[in-house]
Structure formats: structure tokens, C-alpha cells
């Protein structure tokens, strides 16, 4: 057998082992739910099992940019861009490069096939110079999908780029995991209202998932799956952003619309600013990006919505 055929065989074996492990872990999680002794009907436990979503976990490792090959996933450092790339701006100022996600690296863990099989997703966010923090308003961020990841160049920052927005690089590594809907989401409202034991059951299940899949390695970094929110589900935040709600009275007035709009988005990715070089402007917060499922199918990232949550 040729070396090329040998290499192909090893890749097939590796992919099969990952798929096998994914199925094993999912079955373990479901068995844990079904066998739990919380006072919740068995039929409801089956419903909850069906809600579990495959999720791509993220680990970050501090590295020199020279140690990260061009095109690989990373936070910070210099971006790897096509030669004709038009750097995004807001009010004629360059947005700050935050991260790039190589979808070929993610693909083997994306068992739901939610993302394109290849290409790179880039995240750029504007930094407000007055209070030195990431800004979240119209045109202050850009999520860009580059379908062709060949012939990328490690690109220098533009001449007038905000120098404090140059972050130390962190290599991204991915792993298989699973998530459940946020315990305050509309998806679980009926369970919350019906069973006193549900809160303890929910957190016990998440602890088991974390133990099984290392989801707690980097607390709030992930790709796809359900949002792991610091406060209530970030889907409410996406709805509030879309409705441009700016006061508590307005929020109370539009609660029904918020609940309905919270069903509209799915999580694309969440990027934690704690524990990496982004914490200079994000502190202990997480940046969430939502996308409509139909846009994701069409590889349209123009309407991605962003929200922040922090402690």
C-alpha cells in the first residue's frame, strides 16, 4: 500500500474514532439523564434528551504568532487574510481583529453539520477610545466568512490601526461537547414551571457534561450549540438588540415580542474575553454572536447579531 493510501486510511480511522466517541458520549449523557433520581417524569426526561445539541468546545493556548501556522484558528495576533481583503471600518476607523476560526478544524467536531465544511470566520469589533471597551451598536462589529482559505497572508495591521487593539495571540484547539438550552429559555419554561426538582436536575446534568467532555476548560468559549450564558439566555439579548430596547419600561411593554424573537436566532459562536489577551477591553465578559438558521444555510454572515454578558 502506498504512503498516500496509508495516510488516507489513518484519516478515515481517526474520523471514525471521533464519530464513535461522539455517539458514546451522547449516549452516556442521555443514560445519565434517564437514570437520574430527580422527581421528573420519565417521559419528560426523554424530551430533555432530545433537546441536547452537539457543541464544539474551545481551548485556548498562549503562543507566539510564529508558532501558529497561517490559516489556523486563533484569538489575537495578526490575521491571515486574502491579499485583496478590505479591512472593515466604522466611521472611517478600522475595526479591531479579535479572532479567526478555521472551519476545516471545526468540521470533524461539527456532527450537526451546522457550518460550511471549509473556509474561515473572522471576528472584528470596534473599540470605543473614550472608555476603552468593545462597542456594541450598528456597524461596530463584523463577522466575515471567507470561503476560500487558500493563499492567505499573515497581514500587517493598517497604518492608522489602534495600537492598543493589537492582542497577544492564542491558538485555538477544538473538542467535542454538548449543551442544553439555557435554564431560563422559553424552551425549558414548561419544565421549570412544572417541576420543583428541575433546577437541581438541570445543573446536575450540566456538571456531568462538563466532566465528560471537558466543557469547563475554557468556561464560555464555544462554537454552535446552545448559548452558555452568564445571565439569562442571550437569545433575549439578541431580541432586545433587534428591537433597540433601551429602558426597563420598554422591555416590559415588548415582552411578548422579545419572547417570540428569541426563537429566531441560533448561536454561531461565543468568545470569552477573560483568560486571554482580549480581557484588556472585555474584562470578565463573553461576546455572543447569533445567526438566523436560514442565513447560515446560505453562508450569509451579513446579518449576524452580537451581544455581551458579564459578571
C-alpha atoms as a PDB file:
ATOM      1  CA  UNK A   1       0.000   0.000   0.000  1.00  0.00           C
ATOM      2  CA  UNK A   2       1.351   3.473  -0.914  1.00  0.00           C
ATOM      3  CA  UNK A   3       2.147   6.171   1.662  1.00  0.00           C
ATOM      4  CA  UNK A   4      -0.728   8.211   0.256  1.00  0.00           C
ATOM      5  CA  UNK A   5      -3.186   5.357   0.763  1.00  0.00           C
ATOM      6  CA  UNK A   6      -1.774   4.780   4.246  1.00  0.00           C
ATOM      7  CA  UNK A   7      -2.361   8.453   5.111  1.00  0.00           C
ATOM      8  CA  UNK A   8      -5.908   8.257   3.803  1.00  0.00           C
ATOM      9  CA  UNK A   9      -6.560   5.150   5.881  1.00  0.00           C
ATOM     10  CA  UNK A  10      -5.263   6.839   9.046  1.00  0.00           C
ATOM     11  CA  UNK A  11      -7.546   9.839   8.437  1.00  0.00           C
ATOM     12  CA  UNK A  12     -10.580   7.576   7.978  1.00  0.00           C
ATOM     13  CA  UNK A  13      -9.748   5.665  11.175  1.00  0.00           C
ATOM     14  CA  UNK A  14      -9.279   8.952  13.079  1.00  0.00           C
ATOM     15  CA  UNK A  15     -12.609  10.350  11.864  1.00  0.00           C
ATOM     16  CA  UNK A  16     -14.425   7.122  12.680  1.00  0.00           C
ATOM     17  CA  UNK A  17     -12.964   7.103  16.184  1.00  0.00           C
ATOM     18  CA  UNK A  18     -14.139  10.679  16.785  1.00  0.00           C
ATOM     19  CA  UNK A  19     -17.630   9.904  15.477  1.00  0.00           C
ATOM     20  CA  UNK A  20     -17.722   6.787  17.635  1.00  0.00           C
ATOM     21  CA  UNK A  21     -16.658   8.720  20.725  1.00  0.00           C
ATOM     22  CA  UNK A  22     -19.271  11.398  19.986  1.00  0.00           C
ATOM     23  CA  UNK A  23     -22.019   8.804  19.848  1.00  0.00           C
ATOM     24  CA  UNK A  24     -20.708   7.137  23.012  1.00  0.00           C
ATOM     25  CA  UNK A  25     -20.668  10.423  24.922  1.00  0.00           C
ATOM     26  CA  UNK A  26     -24.120  11.421  23.738  1.00  0.00           C
ATOM     27  CA  UNK A  27     -25.488   8.043  24.831  1.00  0.00           C
ATOM     28  CA  UNK A  28     -23.748   8.413  28.208  1.00  0.00           C
ATOM     29  CA  UNK A  29     -25.360  11.827  28.725  1.00  0.00           C
ATOM     30  CA  UNK A  30     -28.797  10.520  27.792  1.00  0.00           C
ATOM     31  CA  UNK A  31     -28.377   7.492  30.055  1.00  0.00           C
ATOM     32  CA  UNK A  32     -27.338   9.786  32.897  1.00  0.00           C
ATOM     33  CA  UNK A  33     -30.499  11.831  32.398  1.00  0.00           C
ATOM     34  CA  UNK A  34     -32.797   8.827  32.165  1.00  0.00           C
ATOM     35  CA  UNK A  35     -31.273   7.101  35.202  1.00  0.00           C
ATOM     36  CA  UNK A  36     -31.269  10.211  37.425  1.00  0.00           C
ATOM     37  CA  UNK A  37     -33.462  10.039  40.515  1.00  0.00           C
ATOM     38  CA  UNK A  38     -34.834  13.584  40.340  1.00  0.00           C
ATOM     39  CA  UNK A  39     -38.610  13.859  40.656  1.00  0.00           C
ATOM     40  CA  UNK A  40     -39.278  14.390  36.954  1.00  0.00           C
ATOM     41  CA  UNK A  41     -41.434  12.014  34.860  1.00  0.00           C
ATOM     42  CA  UNK A  42     -39.538   9.614  32.625  1.00  0.00           C
ATOM     43  CA  UNK A  43     -41.392  10.912  29.553  1.00  0.00           C
ATOM     44  CA  UNK A  44     -40.087  14.433  30.298  1.00  0.00           C
ATOM     45  CA  UNK A  45     -36.557  13.121  30.665  1.00  0.00           C
ATOM     46  CA  UNK A  46     -36.869  11.635  27.182  1.00  0.00           C
ATOM     47  CA  UNK A  47     -37.996  15.043  25.860  1.00  0.00           C
ATOM     48  CA  UNK A  48     -34.985  16.701  27.500  1.00  0.00           C
ATOM     49  CA  UNK A  49     -32.635  14.097  25.987  1.00  0.00           C
ATOM     50  CA  UNK A  50     -33.876  15.113  22.537  1.00  0.00           C
ATOM     51  CA  UNK A  51     -33.033  18.767  23.232  1.00  0.00           C
ATOM     52  CA  UNK A  52     -29.302  18.141  23.717  1.00  0.00           C
ATOM     53  CA  UNK A  53     -27.237  19.731  20.938  1.00  0.00           C
ATOM     54  CA  UNK A  54     -23.743  18.830  19.699  1.00  0.00           C
ATOM     55  CA  UNK A  55     -21.375  21.683  20.507  1.00  0.00           C
ATOM     56  CA  UNK A  56     -17.787  22.430  19.548  1.00  0.00           C
ATOM     57  CA  UNK A  57     -15.760  23.185  22.672  1.00  0.00           C
ATOM     58  CA  UNK A  58     -12.812  25.581  22.526  1.00  0.00           C
ATOM     59  CA  UNK A  59      -9.478  25.552  24.360  1.00  0.00           C
ATOM     60  CA  UNK A  60      -7.055  28.478  24.049  1.00  0.00           C
ATOM     61  CA  UNK A  61      -3.279  28.258  24.438  1.00  0.00           C
ATOM     62  CA  UNK A  62      -0.915  31.259  24.512  1.00  0.00           C
ATOM     63  CA  UNK A  63       1.521  31.016  21.587  1.00  0.00           C
ATOM     64  CA  UNK A  64       3.817  33.216  19.577  1.00  0.00           C
ATOM     65  CA  UNK A  65       2.311  34.054  16.183  1.00  0.00           C
ATOM     66  CA  UNK A  66       5.257  32.280  14.543  1.00  0.00           C
ATOM     67  CA  UNK A  67       4.174  29.053  16.265  1.00  0.00           C
ATOM     68  CA  UNK A  68       0.677  29.216  14.723  1.00  0.00           C
ATOM     69  CA  UNK A  69       0.559  28.162  11.084  1.00  0.00           C
ATOM     70  CA  UNK A  70      -1.097  30.545   8.640  1.00  0.00           C
ATOM     71  CA  UNK A  71      -4.826  29.950   8.419  1.00  0.00           C
ATOM     72  CA  UNK A  72      -5.244  28.081  11.702  1.00  0.00           C
ATOM     73  CA  UNK A  73      -7.791  29.120  14.322  1.00  0.00           C
ATOM     74  CA  UNK A  74      -6.636  31.696  16.851  1.00  0.00           C
ATOM     75  CA  UNK A  75      -7.554  34.647  19.041  1.00  0.00           C
ATOM     76  CA  UNK A  76      -5.461  37.783  18.616  1.00  0.00           C
ATOM     77  CA  UNK A  77      -2.179  38.077  16.764  1.00  0.00           C
ATOM     78  CA  UNK A  78      -2.067  39.176  13.127  1.00  0.00           C
ATOM     79  CA  UNK A  79      -4.923  37.937  10.951  1.00  0.00           C
ATOM     80  CA  UNK A  80      -4.396  35.621   7.988  1.00  0.00           C
ATOM     81  CA  UNK A  81      -6.236  37.294   5.129  1.00  0.00           C
ATOM     82  CA  UNK A  82      -6.564  37.212   1.322  1.00  0.00           C
ATOM     83  CA  UNK A  83      -4.312  39.744  -0.422  1.00  0.00           C
ATOM     84  CA  UNK A  84      -7.328  41.755  -1.655  1.00  0.00           C
ATOM     85  CA  UNK A  85      -9.066  41.890   1.743  1.00  0.00           C
ATOM     86  CA  UNK A  86     -10.953  45.104   2.516  1.00  0.00           C
ATOM     87  CA  UNK A  87     -10.399  45.717   6.261  1.00  0.00           C
ATOM     88  CA  UNK A  88     -13.789  46.620   7.850  1.00  0.00           C
ATOM     89  CA  UNK A  89     -14.320  50.097   9.295  1.00  0.00           C
ATOM     90  CA  UNK A  90     -16.767  52.085  11.403  1.00  0.00           C
ATOM     91  CA  UNK A  91     -16.932  55.865  10.956  1.00  0.00           C
ATOM     92  CA  UNK A  92     -13.752  55.628   8.881  1.00  0.00           C
ATOM     93  CA  UNK A  93     -11.844  53.869  11.710  1.00  0.00           C
ATOM     94  CA  UNK A  94     -10.611  50.303  11.429  1.00  0.00           C
ATOM     95  CA  UNK A  95     -12.346  47.627  13.454  1.00  0.00           C
ATOM     96  CA  UNK A  96     -10.134  45.543  15.760  1.00  0.00           C
ATOM     97  CA  UNK A  97      -9.232  41.996  14.752  1.00  0.00           C
ATOM     98  CA  UNK A  98     -10.267  39.599  17.526  1.00  0.00           C
ATOM     99  CA  UNK A  99     -10.283  36.036  16.215  1.00  0.00           C
ATOM    100  CA  UNK A 100     -10.332  33.693  13.240  1.00  0.00           C
ATOM    101  CA  UNK A 101     -11.953  30.240  13.122  1.00  0.00           C
ATOM    102  CA  UNK A 102     -10.804  27.691  10.541  1.00  0.00           C
ATOM    103  CA  UNK A 103     -13.854  25.601   9.656  1.00  0.00           C
ATOM    104  CA  UNK A 104     -11.836  22.608   8.461  1.00  0.00           C
ATOM    105  CA  UNK A 105     -10.513  22.271  12.020  1.00  0.00           C
ATOM    106  CA  UNK A 106     -14.038  22.566  13.399  1.00  0.00           C
ATOM    107  CA  UNK A 107     -15.614  20.277  10.809  1.00  0.00           C
ATOM    108  CA  UNK A 108     -14.754  16.941  12.460  1.00  0.00           C
ATOM    109  CA  UNK A 109     -16.470  18.071  15.685  1.00  0.00           C
ATOM    110  CA  UNK A 110     -19.467  19.673  13.945  1.00  0.00           C
ATOM    111  CA  UNK A 111     -21.543  16.488  13.933  1.00  0.00           C
ATOM    112  CA  UNK A 112     -24.708  18.503  13.301  1.00  0.00           C
ATOM    113  CA  UNK A 113     -23.153  19.838  10.056  1.00  0.00           C
ATOM    114  CA  UNK A 114     -24.272  23.327  11.005  1.00  0.00           C
ATOM    115  CA  UNK A 115     -21.311  25.168   9.463  1.00  0.00           C
ATOM    116  CA  UNK A 116     -19.829  25.229   5.964  1.00  0.00           C
ATOM    117  CA  UNK A 117     -17.243  22.415   5.690  1.00  0.00           C
ATOM    118  CA  UNK A 118     -14.352  24.771   4.961  1.00  0.00           C
ATOM    119  CA  UNK A 119     -13.347  28.425   4.983  1.00  0.00           C
ATOM    120  CA  UNK A 120     -12.596  30.882   7.777  1.00  0.00           C
ATOM    121  CA  UNK A 121     -14.832  33.003  10.000  1.00  0.00           C
ATOM    122  CA  UNK A 122     -13.226  36.299  11.118  1.00  0.00           C
ATOM    123  CA  UNK A 123     -14.414  38.458  14.022  1.00  0.00           C
ATOM    124  CA  UNK A 124     -13.763  42.217  14.068  1.00  0.00           C
ATOM    125  CA  UNK A 125     -15.098  44.608  16.741  1.00  0.00           C
ATOM    126  CA  UNK A 126     -14.749  48.371  17.189  1.00  0.00           C
ATOM    127  CA  UNK A 127     -13.044  49.666  20.343  1.00  0.00           C
ATOM    128  CA  UNK A 128     -14.510  52.833  21.822  1.00  0.00           C
ATOM    129  CA  UNK A 129     -11.491  55.067  22.515  1.00  0.00           C
ATOM    130  CA  UNK A 130     -13.285  57.182  25.148  1.00  0.00           C
ATOM    131  CA  UNK A 131     -13.810  54.388  27.669  1.00  0.00           C
ATOM    132  CA  UNK A 132     -11.574  51.757  26.073  1.00  0.00           C
ATOM    133  CA  UNK A 133     -14.010  48.937  25.604  1.00  0.00           C
ATOM    134  CA  UNK A 134     -15.609  46.887  22.857  1.00  0.00           C
ATOM    135  CA  UNK A 135     -18.605  48.705  21.415  1.00  0.00           C
ATOM    136  CA  UNK A 136     -21.907  47.077  20.509  1.00  0.00           C
ATOM    137  CA  UNK A 137     -24.017  49.114  18.159  1.00  0.00           C
ATOM    138  CA  UNK A 138     -24.839  49.131  14.469  1.00  0.00           C
ATOM    139  CA  UNK A 139     -21.712  48.747  12.293  1.00  0.00           C
ATOM    140  CA  UNK A 140     -19.428  48.372  15.344  1.00  0.00           C
ATOM    141  CA  UNK A 141     -18.645  44.740  14.595  1.00  0.00           C
ATOM    142  CA  UNK A 142     -18.253  42.499  11.585  1.00  0.00           C
ATOM    143  CA  UNK A 143     -18.293  38.716  11.238  1.00  0.00           C
ATOM    144  CA  UNK A 144     -16.825  37.796   7.852  1.00  0.00           C
ATOM    145  CA  UNK A 145     -16.875  34.409   6.146  1.00  0.00           C
ATOM    146  CA  UNK A 146     -14.035  33.739   3.705  1.00  0.00           C
ATOM    147  CA  UNK A 147     -14.942  30.611   1.744  1.00  0.00           C
ATOM    148  CA  UNK A 148     -11.567  30.115   0.079  1.00  0.00           C
ATOM    149  CA  UNK A 149      -8.853  29.635   2.697  1.00  0.00           C
ATOM    150  CA  UNK A 150      -6.037  29.099   0.160  1.00  0.00           C
ATOM    151  CA  UNK A 151      -3.306  31.680  -0.446  1.00  0.00           C
ATOM    152  CA  UNK A 152      -3.821  33.554   2.801  1.00  0.00           C
ATOM    153  CA  UNK A 153      -1.216  36.052   4.002  1.00  0.00           C
ATOM    154  CA  UNK A 154      -0.317  36.889   7.587  1.00  0.00           C
ATOM    155  CA  UNK A 155      -1.323  40.505   7.289  1.00  0.00           C
ATOM    156  CA  UNK A 156       0.215  43.559   8.944  1.00  0.00           C
ATOM    157  CA  UNK A 157      -2.186  45.933  10.682  1.00  0.00           C
ATOM    158  CA  UNK A 158      -3.223  49.071   8.739  1.00  0.00           C
ATOM    159  CA  UNK A 159      -1.048  52.162   9.263  1.00  0.00           C
ATOM    160  CA  UNK A 160      -3.640  54.078  11.315  1.00  0.00           C
ATOM    161  CA  UNK A 161      -4.757  50.991  13.281  1.00  0.00           C
ATOM    162  CA  UNK A 162      -5.490  51.493  17.000  1.00  0.00           C
ATOM    163  CA  UNK A 163      -2.300  50.074  18.531  1.00  0.00           C
ATOM    164  CA  UNK A 164      -3.929  49.063  21.842  1.00  0.00           C
ATOM    165  CA  UNK A 165      -6.183  46.765  19.823  1.00  0.00           C
ATOM    166  CA  UNK A 166      -3.260  44.525  18.879  1.00  0.00           C
ATOM    167  CA  UNK A 167      -3.721  41.432  21.030  1.00  0.00           C
ATOM    168  CA  UNK A 168      -1.310  38.697  22.021  1.00  0.00           C
ATOM    169  CA  UNK A 169      -2.039  35.515  20.034  1.00  0.00           C
ATOM    170  CA  UNK A 170      -3.745  32.437  21.465  1.00  0.00           C
ATOM    171  CA  UNK A 171      -4.018  29.230  19.465  1.00  0.00           C
ATOM    172  CA  UNK A 172      -7.459  27.607  19.422  1.00  0.00           C
ATOM    173  CA  UNK A 173      -7.970  23.873  19.807  1.00  0.00           C
ATOM    174  CA  UNK A 174     -11.388  22.256  19.489  1.00  0.00           C
ATOM    175  CA  UNK A 175     -13.074  19.335  21.217  1.00  0.00           C
ATOM    176  CA  UNK A 176     -16.419  17.544  21.195  1.00  0.00           C
ATOM    177  CA  UNK A 177     -19.072  18.598  23.669  1.00  0.00           C
ATOM    178  CA  UNK A 178     -22.817  19.046  24.162  1.00  0.00           C
ATOM    179  CA  UNK A 179     -25.098  21.750  25.523  1.00  0.00           C
ATOM    180  CA  UNK A 180     -28.656  22.090  26.773  1.00  0.00           C
ATOM    181  CA  UNK A 181     -30.944  25.122  26.398  1.00  0.00           C
ATOM    182  CA  UNK A 182     -30.394  27.860  28.970  1.00  0.00           C
ATOM    183  CA  UNK A 183     -32.487  27.109  32.064  1.00  0.00           C
ATOM    184  CA  UNK A 184     -34.326  30.430  31.634  1.00  0.00           C
ATOM    185  CA  UNK A 185     -35.054  29.937  27.939  1.00  0.00           C
ATOM    186  CA  UNK A 186     -38.563  29.641  26.592  1.00  0.00           C
ATOM    187  CA  UNK A 187     -37.696  26.073  25.512  1.00  0.00           C
ATOM    188  CA  UNK A 188     -37.500  24.884  29.130  1.00  0.00           C
ATOM    189  CA  UNK A 189     -40.171  27.145  30.653  1.00  0.00           C
ATOM    190  CA  UNK A 190     -42.752  24.362  30.938  1.00  0.00           C
ATOM    191  CA  UNK A 191     -40.288  22.114  32.803  1.00  0.00           C
ATOM    192  CA  UNK A 192     -39.286  24.972  35.114  1.00  0.00           C
ATOM    193  CA  UNK A 193     -42.908  25.768  35.934  1.00  0.00           C
ATOM    194  CA  UNK A 194     -43.982  22.147  36.433  1.00  0.00           C
ATOM    195  CA  UNK A 195     -41.230  20.502  38.488  1.00  0.00           C
ATOM    196  CA  UNK A 196     -39.592  21.810  41.659  1.00  0.00           C
ATOM    197  CA  UNK A 197     -36.691  19.405  41.119  1.00  0.00           C
ATOM    198  CA  UNK A 198     -35.903  20.733  37.655  1.00  0.00           C
ATOM    199  CA  UNK A 199     -33.317  23.333  38.731  1.00  0.00           C
ATOM    200  CA  UNK A 200     -31.200  20.743  40.563  1.00  0.00           C
ATOM    201  CA  UNK A 201     -31.664  18.218  37.767  1.00  0.00           C
ATOM    202  CA  UNK A 202     -30.543  20.766  35.165  1.00  0.00           C
ATOM    203  CA  UNK A 203     -27.336  21.739  36.952  1.00  0.00           C
ATOM    204  CA  UNK A 204     -26.512  18.148  37.823  1.00  0.00           C
ATOM    205  CA  UNK A 205     -26.768  17.228  34.137  1.00  0.00           C
ATOM    206  CA  UNK A 206     -24.513  20.114  33.113  1.00  0.00           C
ATOM    207  CA  UNK A 207     -21.916  19.091  35.675  1.00  0.00           C
ATOM    208  CA  UNK A 208     -21.924  15.613  34.156  1.00  0.00           C
ATOM    209  CA  UNK A 209     -21.488  17.022  30.618  1.00  0.00           C
ATOM    210  CA  UNK A 210     -18.603  19.212  31.802  1.00  0.00           C
ATOM    211  CA  UNK A 211     -16.905  16.265  33.473  1.00  0.00           C
ATOM    212  CA  UNK A 212     -17.400  14.005  30.448  1.00  0.00           C
ATOM    213  CA  UNK A 213     -16.319  16.416  27.701  1.00  0.00           C
ATOM    214  CA  UNK A 214     -14.023  18.979  29.383  1.00  0.00           C
ATOM    215  CA  UNK A 215     -16.502  21.741  28.595  1.00  0.00           C
ATOM    216  CA  UNK A 216     -15.245  23.660  31.631  1.00  0.00           C
ATOM    217  CA  UNK A 217     -11.673  24.005  30.298  1.00  0.00           C
ATOM    218  CA  UNK A 218     -12.428  27.482  28.911  1.00  0.00           C
ATOM    219  CA  UNK A 219     -15.677  28.354  30.596  1.00  0.00           C
ATOM    220  CA  UNK A 220     -17.514  30.304  27.930  1.00  0.00           C
ATOM    221  CA  UNK A 221     -15.709  29.792  24.614  1.00  0.00           C
ATOM    222  CA  UNK A 222     -17.581  27.608  22.145  1.00  0.00           C
ATOM    223  CA  UNK A 223     -18.920  27.226  18.595  1.00  0.00           C
ATOM    224  CA  UNK A 224     -22.558  26.265  17.840  1.00  0.00           C
ATOM    225  CA  UNK A 225     -24.804  24.520  20.371  1.00  0.00           C
ATOM    226  CA  UNK A 226     -26.967  26.345  22.887  1.00  0.00           C
ATOM    227  CA  UNK A 227     -25.660  29.530  24.473  1.00  0.00           C
ATOM    228  CA  UNK A 228     -23.975  29.157  27.848  1.00  0.00           C
ATOM    229  CA  UNK A 229     -24.984  32.500  29.223  1.00  0.00           C
ATOM    230  CA  UNK A 230     -23.619  34.365  32.218  1.00  0.00           C
ATOM    231  CA  UNK A 231     -27.030  35.898  32.889  1.00  0.00           C
ATOM    232  CA  UNK A 232     -30.322  34.758  31.328  1.00  0.00           C
ATOM    233  CA  UNK A 233     -30.304  33.266  27.829  1.00  0.00           C
ATOM    234  CA  UNK A 234     -28.532  35.531  25.365  1.00  0.00           C
ATOM    235  CA  UNK A 235     -31.343  34.910  22.871  1.00  0.00           C
ATOM    236  CA  UNK A 236     -33.308  37.527  24.852  1.00  0.00           C
ATOM    237  CA  UNK A 237     -30.379  39.920  24.381  1.00  0.00           C
ATOM    238  CA  UNK A 238     -30.415  39.331  20.619  1.00  0.00           C
ATOM    239  CA  UNK A 239     -34.143  40.123  20.564  1.00  0.00           C
ATOM    240  CA  UNK A 240     -33.620  43.297  22.616  1.00  0.00           C
ATOM    241  CA  UNK A 241     -30.842  44.384  20.247  1.00  0.00           C
ATOM    242  CA  UNK A 242     -33.098  43.882  17.238  1.00  0.00           C
ATOM    243  CA  UNK A 243     -35.955  45.835  18.867  1.00  0.00           C
ATOM    244  CA  UNK A 244     -33.489  48.530  20.035  1.00  0.00           C
ATOM    245  CA  UNK A 245     -34.853  48.424  23.576  1.00  0.00           C
ATOM    246  CA  UNK A 246     -33.171  50.979  25.828  1.00  0.00           C
ATOM    247  CA  UNK A 247     -35.246  51.059  29.040  1.00  0.00           C
ATOM    248  CA  UNK A 248     -36.908  48.714  31.518  1.00  0.00           C
ATOM    249  CA  UNK A 249     -40.354  50.162  30.767  1.00  0.00           C
ATOM    250  CA  UNK A 250     -39.847  49.483  27.056  1.00  0.00           C
ATOM    251  CA  UNK A 251     -38.699  45.945  27.871  1.00  0.00           C
ATOM    252  CA  UNK A 252     -41.858  45.283  29.909  1.00  0.00           C
ATOM    253  CA  UNK A 253     -44.017  46.690  27.131  1.00  0.00           C
ATOM    254  CA  UNK A 254     -42.445  44.416  24.495  1.00  0.00           C
ATOM    255  CA  UNK A 255     -42.005  41.204  26.497  1.00  0.00           C
ATOM    256  CA  UNK A 256     -44.167  39.172  24.106  1.00  0.00           C
ATOM    257  CA  UNK A 257     -42.145  40.366  21.093  1.00  0.00           C
ATOM    258  CA  UNK A 258     -38.885  39.584  22.914  1.00  0.00           C
ATOM    259  CA  UNK A 259     -40.027  36.043  23.678  1.00  0.00           C
ATOM    260  CA  UNK A 260     -41.048  35.485  20.081  1.00  0.00           C
ATOM    261  CA  UNK A 261     -37.861  36.955  18.608  1.00  0.00           C
ATOM    262  CA  UNK A 262     -35.730  34.872  20.979  1.00  0.00           C
ATOM    263  CA  UNK A 263     -36.739  31.854  18.866  1.00  0.00           C
ATOM    264  CA  UNK A 264     -35.368  33.473  15.712  1.00  0.00           C
ATOM    265  CA  UNK A 265     -31.624  33.072  16.257  1.00  0.00           C
ATOM    266  CA  UNK A 266     -29.236  30.234  16.916  1.00  0.00           C
ATOM    267  CA  UNK A 267     -25.810  30.615  18.470  1.00  0.00           C
ATOM    268  CA  UNK A 268     -22.976  30.902  15.962  1.00  0.00           C
ATOM    269  CA  UNK A 269     -20.177  31.248  18.497  1.00  0.00           C
ATOM    270  CA  UNK A 270     -19.283  32.798  21.809  1.00  0.00           C
ATOM    271  CA  UNK A 271     -15.928  34.382  22.599  1.00  0.00           C
ATOM    272  CA  UNK A 272     -14.779  34.831  26.170  1.00  0.00           C
ATOM    273  CA  UNK A 273     -12.668  37.880  26.980  1.00  0.00           C
ATOM    274  CA  UNK A 274     -11.396  36.548  30.310  1.00  0.00           C
ATOM    275  CA  UNK A 275      -8.217  34.464  30.384  1.00  0.00           C
ATOM    276  CA  UNK A 276      -6.816  35.716  27.078  1.00  0.00           C
ATOM    277  CA  UNK A 277      -5.449  38.959  25.658  1.00  0.00           C
ATOM    278  CA  UNK A 278      -8.945  40.304  24.889  1.00  0.00           C
ATOM    279  CA  UNK A 279      -9.625  40.854  28.609  1.00  0.00           C
ATOM    280  CA  UNK A 280      -7.922  44.241  28.312  1.00  0.00           C
ATOM    281  CA  UNK A 281     -11.214  45.574  26.932  1.00  0.00           C
ATOM    282  CA  UNK A 282     -13.744  42.904  27.810  1.00  0.00           C
ATOM    283  CA  UNK A 283     -12.942  42.161  31.450  1.00  0.00           C
ATOM    284  CA  UNK A 284     -14.915  39.195  32.741  1.00  0.00           C
ATOM    285  CA  UNK A 285     -17.381  39.121  29.886  1.00  0.00           C
ATOM    286  CA  UNK A 286     -18.368  36.972  26.943  1.00  0.00           C
ATOM    287  CA  UNK A 287     -19.231  38.114  23.423  1.00  0.00           C
ATOM    288  CA  UNK A 288     -22.053  36.162  21.764  1.00  0.00           C
ATOM    289  CA  UNK A 289     -22.848  36.025  18.058  1.00  0.00           C
ATOM    290  CA  UNK A 290     -26.234  34.862  16.798  1.00  0.00           C
ATOM    291  CA  UNK A 291     -27.356  33.985  13.285  1.00  0.00           C
ATOM    292  CA  UNK A 292     -30.644  33.004  11.675  1.00  0.00           C
ATOM    293  CA  UNK A 293     -30.588  29.330  10.598  1.00  0.00           C
ATOM    294  CA  UNK A 294     -31.604  30.206   7.036  1.00  0.00           C
ATOM    295  CA  UNK A 295     -28.730  32.704   6.738  1.00  0.00           C
ATOM    296  CA  UNK A 296     -26.302  30.068   7.987  1.00  0.00           C
ATOM    297  CA  UNK A 297     -27.518  27.602   5.349  1.00  0.00           C
ATOM    298  CA  UNK A 298     -26.940  30.257   2.679  1.00  0.00           C
ATOM    299  CA  UNK A 299     -23.496  31.119   4.141  1.00  0.00           C
ATOM    300  CA  UNK A 300     -24.739  34.663   4.658  1.00  0.00           C
ATOM    301  CA  UNK A 301     -22.972  36.227   7.653  1.00  0.00           C
ATOM    302  CA  UNK A 302     -24.036  39.815   6.934  1.00  0.00           C
ATOM    303  CA  UNK A 303     -26.888  39.761   9.464  1.00  0.00           C
ATOM    304  CA  UNK A 304     -25.023  38.222  12.425  1.00  0.00           C
ATOM    305  CA  UNK A 305     -26.086  39.880  15.685  1.00  0.00           C
ATOM    306  CA  UNK A 306     -23.841  40.467  18.702  1.00  0.00           C
ATOM    307  CA  UNK A 307     -24.455  40.722  22.446  1.00  0.00           C
ATOM    308  CA  UNK A 308     -22.319  40.986  25.593  1.00  0.00           C
ATOM    309  CA  UNK A 309     -22.839  39.460  29.006  1.00  0.00           C
ATOM    310  CA  UNK A 310     -20.565  39.877  32.026  1.00  0.00           C
ATOM    311  CA  UNK A 311     -20.289  39.427  35.733  1.00  0.00           C
END
